[in-house]
Each structure stands twice: as structure tokens, then as C-alpha cells.
Protein backbone atom coordinates (compact mmCIF):
# COMPACT_ATOMS: atom_id res chain seq x y z
CA MET A 1 -7.60 4.32 14.91
CA LYS A 2 -6.06 2.15 12.18
CA VAL A 3 -5.12 3.43 8.74
CA ASN A 4 -6.91 2.25 5.58
CA VAL A 5 -4.35 0.92 3.10
CA CYS A 6 -4.26 -0.02 -0.59
CA ILE A 7 -1.31 -1.98 -2.01
CA VAL A 8 -0.65 -1.48 -5.74
CA THR A 9 1.66 -3.70 -7.82
CA PHE A 10 2.07 -4.63 -11.45
CA PRO A 11 0.69 -8.15 -12.23
CA LEU A 12 3.15 -10.68 -10.81
CA SER A 13 4.43 -14.16 -11.57
CA GLU A 14 4.48 -16.83 -8.87
CA ALA A 15 7.90 -15.54 -7.78
CA GLY A 16 6.17 -12.40 -6.51
CA TYR A 17 3.97 -14.30 -4.07
CA THR A 18 6.34 -14.24 -1.09
CA PRO A 19 7.03 -10.47 -1.09
CA LEU A 20 3.36 -9.74 -1.83
CA SER A 21 2.09 -11.96 0.99
CA ASN A 22 4.65 -10.45 3.39
CA ILE A 23 3.43 -6.94 2.55
CA VAL A 24 -0.17 -8.06 3.05
CA ARG A 25 0.60 -9.58 6.45
CA LEU A 26 2.45 -6.48 7.62
CA PHE A 27 -0.06 -3.88 6.49
CA GLY A 28 -3.03 -6.12 7.21
CA ASN A 29 -2.24 -5.89 10.91
CA LEU A 30 -1.72 -2.13 10.71
CA SER A 31 -4.89 -1.33 8.79
CA ASN A 32 -8.64 -1.30 9.21
CA ARG A 33 -9.74 -1.52 5.58
CA PHE A 34 -7.28 -3.20 3.22
CA TYR A 35 -7.15 -3.43 -0.57
CA VAL A 36 -4.69 -5.14 -2.94
CA ILE A 37 -4.57 -4.17 -6.62
CA SER A 38 -2.43 -6.71 -8.46
CA GLY A 39 -2.68 -9.70 -10.75
CA GLY A 40 -1.03 -12.79 -12.14
CA GLU A 41 -0.12 -16.04 -10.41
CA ALA A 42 1.00 -14.29 -7.22
CA LEU A 43 -2.43 -12.75 -6.63
CA GLU A 44 -4.20 -16.01 -7.42
CA LYS A 45 -2.05 -17.79 -4.85
CA LEU A 46 -2.67 -15.02 -2.33
CA GLU A 47 -6.42 -15.35 -2.78
CA ASN A 48 -6.16 -19.10 -2.10
CA SER A 49 -3.84 -18.72 0.90
CA LYS A 50 -4.96 -18.91 4.51
CA LEU A 51 -3.66 -15.58 5.75
CA ASP A 52 -5.03 -14.11 8.98
CA VAL A 53 -5.79 -10.86 7.18
CA SER A 54 -9.07 -9.54 5.78
CA VAL A 55 -8.27 -8.16 2.33
CA LYS A 56 -10.26 -7.10 -0.72
CA THR A 57 -8.41 -7.96 -3.93
CA MET A 58 -8.81 -6.29 -7.32
CA LYS A 59 -7.44 -8.42 -10.14
CA VAL A 60 -5.59 -6.92 -13.10
CA THR A 61 -4.58 -8.89 -16.19
CA HIS A 62 -1.64 -8.08 -18.43
CA ARG A 63 -0.65 -9.45 -21.83
CA ALA A 64 3.04 -9.84 -22.61
CA SER A 65 4.36 -9.52 -26.15
CA PRO A 66 7.76 -9.77 -27.88
CA TYR A 67 6.86 -6.84 -30.16
CA LEU A 68 7.82 -3.38 -28.89
CA LEU A 69 4.80 -1.40 -30.10
CA ILE A 70 2.34 -4.00 -28.81
CA ARG A 71 4.21 -4.10 -25.47
CA ILE A 72 3.78 -0.34 -25.08
CA ILE A 73 0.10 -0.50 -25.98
CA ASN A 74 -0.48 -3.40 -23.55
CA TYR A 75 1.44 -1.61 -20.79
CA VAL A 76 -0.68 1.53 -21.15
CA HIS A 77 -3.82 -0.61 -21.19
CA THR A 78 -2.73 -2.35 -17.97
CA GLU A 79 -1.99 1.03 -16.35
CA LEU A 80 -5.50 2.22 -17.21
CA LYS A 81 -6.99 -0.91 -15.62
CA ILE A 82 -4.93 -0.31 -12.49
CA LEU A 83 -5.99 3.35 -12.50
CA ARG A 84 -9.65 2.34 -12.60
CA PHE A 85 -9.20 0.21 -9.46
CA VAL A 86 -7.18 2.95 -7.77
CA ILE A 87 -10.10 5.35 -8.36
CA VAL A 88 -12.43 2.86 -6.67
CA ALA A 89 -10.06 2.26 -3.74
CA SER A 90 -9.36 5.99 -3.26
CA ARG A 91 -12.82 6.48 -1.78
CA GLY A 92 -11.89 4.49 1.31
CA SER A 93 -8.09 4.47 1.51
CA ASP A 94 -5.82 6.82 3.46
CA LEU A 95 -2.53 5.39 2.20
CA PHE A 96 -1.41 3.84 -1.09
CA VAL A 97 1.70 1.65 -1.22
CA PHE A 98 3.23 1.15 -4.70
CA SER A 99 5.51 -1.89 -4.76
CA ILE A 100 6.92 -4.69 -6.97
CA GLY A 101 6.80 -3.04 -10.39
CA GLY A 102 4.65 -0.17 -9.15
CA GLU A 103 7.45 2.38 -9.32
CA SER A 104 6.75 3.16 -12.98
CA LEU A 105 2.92 3.35 -12.75
CA ILE A 106 2.69 7.04 -13.59
CA LEU A 107 -1.06 7.43 -14.26
CA PRO A 108 -2.26 6.11 -10.86
CA MET A 109 0.45 8.18 -9.14
CA LEU A 110 -0.62 11.40 -10.89
CA PHE A 111 -4.28 10.75 -10.00
CA LEU A 112 -3.49 10.19 -6.31
CA ASN A 113 -1.39 13.36 -6.24
CA LEU A 114 -4.38 15.32 -7.57
CA LEU A 115 -6.44 13.90 -4.68
CA ARG A 116 -3.58 14.62 -2.24
CA LYS A 117 -3.58 11.05 -1.03
CA LYS A 118 -0.57 9.77 0.90
CA VAL A 119 1.63 7.53 -1.26
CA LEU A 120 4.54 5.29 -0.27
CA LEU A 121 6.82 3.96 -3.00
CA MET A 122 8.60 0.67 -2.27
CA PRO A 123 11.03 -0.19 -5.09
CA GLY A 124 11.85 -3.87 -4.61
CA GLY A 125 15.19 -3.39 -6.32
CA VAL A 126 16.65 -1.61 -9.32
CA VAL A 127 14.04 -2.75 -11.84
CA THR A 128 15.39 -0.48 -14.56
CA LYS A 129 18.83 -2.10 -14.26
CA GLY A 130 17.19 -5.47 -14.88
CA TYR A 131 15.69 -4.07 -18.08
CA SER A 132 19.12 -2.75 -19.09
CA VAL A 133 20.90 -6.09 -18.46
CA ARG A 134 18.32 -7.83 -20.66
CA GLY A 135 18.91 -5.24 -23.39
CA ASP A 136 15.28 -4.10 -23.17
CA PRO A 137 14.58 -1.01 -25.32
CA LEU A 138 12.10 0.24 -22.69
CA SER A 139 14.74 0.57 -19.96
CA ARG A 140 15.16 4.34 -20.43
CA LEU A 141 11.41 4.93 -20.42
CA THR A 142 10.83 2.93 -17.23
CA SER A 143 13.78 4.74 -15.61
CA LEU A 144 12.24 8.11 -16.49
CA LEU A 145 8.80 7.11 -15.17
CA ALA A 146 10.35 5.81 -11.94
CA SER A 147 12.24 9.08 -11.45
CA ILE A 148 9.01 11.08 -11.81
CA ASN A 149 7.26 8.81 -9.30
CA PHE A 150 10.15 9.18 -6.84
CA PHE A 151 9.52 12.93 -7.00
CA LEU A 152 5.73 12.59 -6.57
CA ALA A 153 5.69 10.05 -3.70
CA ASP A 154 5.34 11.22 -0.09
CA ARG A 155 7.87 8.68 1.13
CA ILE A 156 10.28 6.28 -0.60
CA VAL A 157 10.99 3.12 1.38
CA ILE A 158 14.09 1.18 0.38
CA TYR A 159 15.79 -1.95 1.72
CA SER A 160 19.20 -0.35 2.18
CA PRO A 161 20.95 3.05 1.95
CA ALA A 162 23.17 1.39 -0.68
CA LEU A 163 20.21 1.48 -3.09
CA ILE A 164 20.03 5.30 -3.08
CA LYS A 165 22.88 5.58 -5.59
CA GLU A 166 21.75 2.58 -7.66
CA LEU A 167 18.23 3.99 -7.97
CA ASN A 168 19.60 7.44 -8.84
CA MET A 169 17.40 9.15 -6.24
CA ASN A 170 17.81 12.77 -5.19
CA GLN A 171 14.90 12.94 -2.72
CA ARG A 172 16.94 12.01 0.35
CA ASN A 173 14.54 13.83 2.69
CA LYS A 174 11.79 11.38 1.63
CA ILE A 175 13.78 8.19 2.08
CA ALA A 176 13.21 5.68 4.88
CA VAL A 177 14.84 2.28 5.32
CA ALA A 178 12.53 -0.70 5.91
CA HIS A 179 11.46 -3.86 4.07
CA GLU A 180 8.72 -6.40 3.81
CA HIS A 181 11.02 -9.31 4.63
CA PHE A 182 10.45 -11.53 7.60
CA ILE A 183 10.98 -15.25 8.00
CA ASP A 184 8.63 -17.93 9.26
CA PHE A 185 11.04 -19.61 11.65
CA THR A 186 8.67 -22.54 12.15
CA LYS A 187 9.22 -23.55 8.49
CA PHE A 188 12.75 -22.33 7.74
CA VAL A 189 14.86 -24.25 10.23
CA VAL A 190 18.24 -25.97 10.38
CA LYS A 191 17.51 -29.67 9.85
CA ARG A 192 21.14 -30.79 9.68
CA LYS A 193 24.54 -29.23 10.14
CA ASN A 194 26.35 -27.98 7.06
CA ASP A 195 29.22 -30.47 7.44
CA GLU A 196 26.69 -33.33 7.33
CA ARG A 197 25.31 -32.32 3.92
CA PRO A 198 26.36 -33.66 0.51
CA ASN A 199 28.40 -31.39 -1.78
CA ILE A 200 25.41 -29.84 -3.55
CA VAL A 201 25.83 -26.33 -4.95
CA GLY A 202 22.42 -24.82 -5.53
CA TYR A 203 20.66 -21.92 -7.22
CA MET A 204 17.06 -20.84 -6.67
CA GLY A 205 15.27 -18.16 -8.67
CA ARG A 206 14.28 -17.03 -12.14
CA PHE A 207 16.27 -18.15 -15.16
CA SER A 208 16.78 -14.62 -16.50
CA GLU A 209 19.76 -12.51 -17.56
CA GLU A 210 19.81 -10.16 -14.57
CA LYS A 211 20.17 -13.11 -12.19
CA GLY A 212 23.54 -14.03 -13.70
CA ILE A 213 22.50 -17.67 -13.97
CA LEU A 214 24.29 -18.24 -17.29
CA ASN A 215 27.55 -17.17 -15.64
CA LEU A 216 26.88 -19.69 -12.88
CA VAL A 217 26.09 -22.58 -15.25
CA LYS A 218 29.24 -21.84 -17.26
CA ALA A 219 31.19 -22.10 -13.99
CA PHE A 220 29.97 -25.68 -13.35
CA PRO A 221 32.38 -27.46 -15.74
CA LEU A 222 35.27 -25.44 -14.28
CA VAL A 223 34.35 -26.63 -10.78
CA SER A 224 33.94 -30.23 -11.97
CA LYS A 225 37.49 -30.27 -13.32
CA HIS A 226 38.80 -29.88 -9.78
CA ARG A 227 36.00 -31.48 -7.74
CA LYS A 228 34.43 -34.65 -9.11
CA ASP A 229 32.32 -35.04 -5.97
CA VAL A 230 30.25 -31.87 -6.52
CA HIS A 231 26.64 -31.92 -7.73
CA PHE A 232 24.64 -28.93 -8.92
CA MET A 233 20.95 -28.19 -8.47
CA LEU A 234 19.04 -25.42 -10.29
CA CYS A 235 15.61 -24.60 -8.86
CA GLY A 236 13.50 -22.37 -11.07
CA GLU A 237 12.62 -21.70 -14.66
CA GLY A 238 12.40 -18.87 -17.16
CA LYS A 239 13.19 -17.81 -20.71
CA LEU A 240 16.80 -19.03 -20.41
CA SER A 241 15.73 -22.60 -19.54
CA ASP A 242 16.47 -24.03 -23.01
CA GLU A 243 19.86 -22.32 -23.23
CA ILE A 244 20.79 -23.66 -19.78
CA ARG A 245 19.82 -27.21 -20.78
CA ASN A 246 21.93 -26.89 -23.94
CA ILE A 247 24.99 -25.81 -21.93
CA ILE A 248 24.55 -28.69 -19.49
CA GLN A 249 24.23 -31.17 -22.35
CA HIS A 250 27.16 -29.72 -24.32
CA GLU A 251 29.47 -29.73 -21.28
CA GLY A 252 28.54 -33.30 -20.30
CA LEU A 253 27.10 -32.19 -16.96
CA ALA A 254 23.78 -34.06 -17.12
CA ALA A 255 24.90 -36.72 -14.64
CA CYS A 256 25.87 -34.19 -11.96
CA THR A 257 23.27 -31.43 -12.57
CA LYS A 258 19.59 -31.50 -11.66
CA LEU A 259 16.96 -29.03 -12.87
CA THR A 260 13.93 -29.16 -10.60
CA GLY A 261 11.67 -26.68 -12.35
CA TRP A 262 9.81 -24.10 -10.32
CA VAL A 263 9.68 -24.94 -6.61
CA SER A 264 6.62 -23.96 -4.55
CA HIS A 265 7.37 -21.81 -1.52
CA GLU A 266 6.16 -24.61 0.77
CA ASP A 267 8.93 -26.88 -0.60
CA VAL A 268 11.73 -24.29 -0.58
CA PRO A 269 13.02 -25.26 2.92
CA ASN A 270 13.41 -28.90 1.85
CA TYR A 271 15.76 -27.91 -0.97
CA LEU A 272 17.70 -25.28 0.95
CA THR A 273 18.51 -27.70 3.75
CA ASP A 274 20.11 -30.04 1.16
CA PHE A 275 22.44 -27.38 -0.24
CA LYS A 276 25.99 -27.12 0.97
CA LEU A 277 26.17 -23.70 -0.68
CA LEU A 278 23.64 -21.40 -2.37
CA VAL A 279 25.03 -19.21 -5.17
CA LEU A 280 23.33 -16.04 -6.41
CA PRO A 281 25.53 -14.23 -8.99
CA SER A 282 23.03 -11.46 -9.86
CA TYR A 283 23.74 -8.28 -11.79
CA THR A 284 21.05 -6.44 -9.81
CA GLU A 285 18.92 -7.19 -6.73
CA GLY A 286 16.98 -5.58 -3.94
CA LEU A 287 17.10 -8.01 -1.05
CA PRO A 288 16.25 -11.54 -2.29
CA ASN A 289 14.01 -13.55 0.05
CA VAL A 290 15.91 -16.72 -0.85
CA VAL A 291 19.10 -15.30 0.70
CA LEU A 292 17.36 -14.76 4.04
CA GLU A 293 15.56 -18.11 3.87
CA ALA A 294 18.82 -19.93 3.14
CA MET A 295 20.48 -18.26 6.12
CA ALA A 296 17.57 -19.34 8.33
CA CYS A 297 18.17 -22.92 7.14
CA GLY A 298 21.87 -22.67 7.98
CA THR A 299 22.84 -22.66 4.30
CA PRO A 300 25.82 -20.40 3.47
CA VAL A 301 25.22 -17.96 0.60
CA LEU A 302 27.74 -16.86 -2.03
CA ALA A 303 26.41 -13.76 -3.79
CA THR A 304 27.42 -10.67 -5.74
CA GLN A 305 27.71 -7.33 -3.94
CA VAL A 306 24.52 -5.74 -5.32
CA GLY A 307 21.48 -4.11 -3.76
CA ALA A 308 21.07 -4.74 -0.04
CA ILE A 309 22.93 -8.06 -0.10
CA PRO A 310 26.12 -6.66 1.55
CA ASP A 311 23.93 -5.41 4.44
CA VAL A 312 23.10 -8.97 5.48
CA ILE A 313 26.10 -10.90 4.13
CA ARG A 314 29.34 -9.96 5.84
CA ASP A 315 32.04 -11.74 3.90
CA GLY A 316 33.43 -14.71 5.83
CA GLU A 317 31.08 -14.11 8.77
CA THR A 318 27.43 -14.45 7.73
CA GLY A 319 28.07 -15.46 4.12
CA PHE A 320 30.42 -14.90 1.20
CA LEU A 321 30.64 -12.13 -1.40
CA LEU A 322 31.78 -12.37 -5.00
CA ASP A 323 34.03 -9.67 -6.44
CA SER A 324 32.31 -10.17 -9.80
CA ASN A 325 29.99 -12.64 -11.49
CA ASP A 326 32.63 -13.76 -13.96
CA SER A 327 32.35 -17.54 -14.45
CA ASN A 328 36.01 -18.20 -13.63
CA HIS A 329 35.75 -16.21 -10.41
CA ILE A 330 32.53 -18.00 -9.42
CA ALA A 331 34.17 -21.39 -10.04
CA ASP A 332 37.26 -20.46 -8.03
CA LYS A 333 35.16 -19.30 -5.06
CA ILE A 334 32.96 -22.41 -5.09
CA ALA A 335 35.98 -24.73 -5.19
CA GLU A 336 37.73 -22.72 -2.46
CA LEU A 337 34.75 -22.75 -0.10
CA LEU A 338 33.97 -26.45 -0.57
CA GLY A 339 37.56 -27.08 0.47
CA LYS A 340 36.95 -25.28 3.79
CA PRO A 341 34.24 -27.25 5.63
CA GLU A 342 35.08 -25.66 9.00
CA LEU A 343 34.53 -22.18 7.57
CA LEU A 344 31.25 -23.20 5.95
CA GLU A 345 30.02 -24.60 9.26
CA LYS A 346 31.03 -21.45 11.16
CA VAL A 347 29.27 -19.20 8.65
CA SER A 348 26.22 -21.46 8.73
CA VAL A 349 25.87 -20.95 12.49
CA ASN A 350 26.55 -17.20 12.32
CA ALA A 351 24.02 -16.67 9.50
CA TYR A 352 21.32 -18.54 11.40
CA LYS A 353 21.88 -16.48 14.57
CA TYR A 354 21.91 -13.19 12.66
CA ILE A 355 18.74 -13.84 10.68
CA ARG A 356 16.79 -14.93 13.78
CA GLU A 357 17.69 -11.66 15.45
CA ALA A 358 17.33 -9.20 12.57
CA PHE A 359 14.37 -10.45 10.50
CA SER A 360 11.55 -11.13 12.89
CA TYR A 361 7.97 -10.02 12.26
CA GLU A 362 8.14 -7.67 15.27
CA LYS A 363 11.25 -5.90 13.92
CA ASN A 364 9.44 -5.16 10.67
CA LEU A 365 6.37 -3.84 12.42
CA GLU A 366 8.48 -1.44 14.44
CA ALA A 367 10.09 0.01 11.31
CA TRP A 368 6.78 0.41 9.48
CA GLN A 369 5.06 1.86 12.53
CA LYS A 370 7.68 4.59 12.67
CA ILE A 371 7.09 5.44 8.98
CA LEU A 372 3.31 5.60 9.44
CA ASN A 373 3.74 7.80 12.50
CA GLU A 374 5.93 10.21 10.51
CA LEU A 375 3.16 10.47 7.93
CA GLY A 376 0.63 11.14 10.70
CA LEU A 377 -1.39 8.06 9.78
CA SER A 378 -1.11 5.79 12.81
CA LYS A 379 -0.52 5.55 16.54
CA LYS A 380 1.85 3.44 18.61
CA SER A 381 -1.04 1.50 20.11
CA VAL A 382 -1.60 -0.12 16.71
CA LEU A 383 1.85 -1.69 16.83
CA SER A 384 1.44 -3.17 20.26
CA SER A 385 -1.88 -4.77 19.37
CA ALA A 386 -0.50 -6.13 16.07
CA VAL A 387 2.50 -7.65 17.83
CA MET A 388 0.24 -9.27 20.39
CA GLN A 389 -1.83 -10.79 17.55
CA SER A 390 1.29 -12.15 15.85
CA ARG A 391 2.36 -13.91 19.07
CA GLU A 392 -0.97 -15.56 19.75
């Protein structure tokens, strides 16, 4: 008998579509009745996507505000709307999975604990650290709420043991390691060898402080001083967009730097296969999908040693690690690696082989099946039937 599942997230931007759709595909094959409580552009895209999963969505809206008091009021209002849908879904759900911003949703968590419903908490990364990097006055509050929810959840599922310390978790007996990541290897493929690509250094993601993108952009003129043949491509957008454009203009980089705006997930492989090197100098991360997708496209990744990144990037073997996200250090590493085409090609091949082996749909199902079995919610026969469906 399959388990009935409800996924709960905070309303998401378009960037949240890939992790949300991955979670839906995983749990959709392991469940009988399936709900998703979410909102924003990610949910809208999910509702319009052709996924082989029957899912009932419950849409939540949220209003952002630059004013602290109004932000708190709007946040509480959004929590109450989510709670209302959780009450509805609780009548037919055996398991609730809180993910992507759901770690601080205290009211729904308290309600489900009163009903003694099984709850999994999936922190996508260290969200509270992102708040702190941005200088957000609510960082301490969200950290406190997350800590309470870690205590209340039946199981905490993280991407890597390395996140235990970063998330400041003491409930080690509750922790399991798994993730929602898997790659569609029919779309993310190696179209040309790394040594056949132009010298394009790329970035893909939000233009926000915690991503370290300002450090990267400030490294561009330092790279250009030594390598006139390098071009830069920034794929994404965000509140730092204007500041980034000003830096590019001030440093005279307009001729060698392209800003693409937000790239749809369908077009991501086309950009990644053009990059000689993808750089992600984040202050905090969980396990970014773009890192795995780049590796599947044979694109070497240079990233900071945060979150679960060091689990998949072994320096000099499957990718490259930064010692810091200081602009001078980033520039030195970019220039060094572009001067070693044989190493880039070797890492490109190694990364592709590793990702094909470690991030298949079947591997994810095995990990999640084990977690559901430990909670007494599923049987092994569910996994075998789901895997058969995924191969058809």
C-alpha cells in the first residue's frame, strides 16, 4: 500500500521550480494520494508542466515588503494560509514533507504534532545564513523557528553530513542523508568537449548577496588584465542586477560581458554546454542543481566549499574548490584554470562519469524508500514498481 503525501513549501520564485518538480516526481511515484501546498512562479510552472504524476495543488500567495513590521505581518498571514491548507490535507495524508523555506513554518508544524502526523523536514540549505549574509533583521527569528521545527520533526533529511554543523542541529538520531536531486540525462548531455569550447566563464543563479556574485563580477577586470581572450556570461537576475550592470559599465567590461536575464530550465543545457568554466562563489548553499547539471554537460565547476558542494566536487578530480570567495582569489583561480586546458578536459570527463553514476532517479528512490521504511510508512514493493515506471 502506498503512502499519502503532502509537500509543504513557502511560496517560491521560478528558481524553485526544479527542486519542487524533482520532489513531486520522487514522492509522486511513492504515494497514492499526493498534495502540494506552495505558491509563486514555481507552482504555476509546475501546474503547467507535463509531469507523469497525479497531484492536487493548493496555491498560497505571499506579499513581500521592504518594511520590517509589514514583512512580519505578511509572513504570519502567509503561515495562516498555509495552515488552513494543511488542515484540509491532514484528513487524507499520512506524511507531510516540509521543504524549500518550510523549515521555519512553525504553526503548521505545531498543528501536525498535535495530530501526531508524521513530518519530514528537508532544509534545502542554510536559509538562515542567507538571511544573515543579506543583513536581514529577521535572521535570528527564522533561525529560532527552524531550531524548534528541527526538534518537532520526526525525521530531518539533509543533503550532506557537512550540513549538520552549519544548521546547528542536535537531533542526530533523527537525521538521514538524501536529496531530491536527479538529472535528466536525455537533456543534460555533453555536446562538445571542453577543449573545443570558447573561453567563456559563466555564472547561473540569483543575483543576491549570499550567492557571492558581486565578488565574482569584481574579479572579472582582474582576469581581463591577464587574459584578453576571456568572455563572461551571467545568467540570472535579482535585486543586485543594477549594481552588477554599474560595475560592468564602470570597469569597461561591456564588450566582454553578457547578461542574459533569467534562463528557463529548458534552455539551461544550451548555456552550460557553451561555458568553459562555471563559477559559483556562494557564501552558503545546500546542493545547487546547476552544479550537478553543469557536471552532466561536461562543464567544470569552480565553487566555494559550502554546504554539500565538497561532497560532489573533489578538487582537481570532479571540479575545483575555492579557498574563499575573495575577488582576487577567484580571479587567480580562473586565470590558472584557463591556462590548463588538459586539466579542464580531464575534470570534464571525470565529472560527467561521476554524475551519471551518483545522481540517477533510481538512486534517489532507493534512499527515500529506506527513509519511508524506517518511518513504517511504505514497503519495498513500492520502490520496485516506481523504478519500473521510470524506465518505461
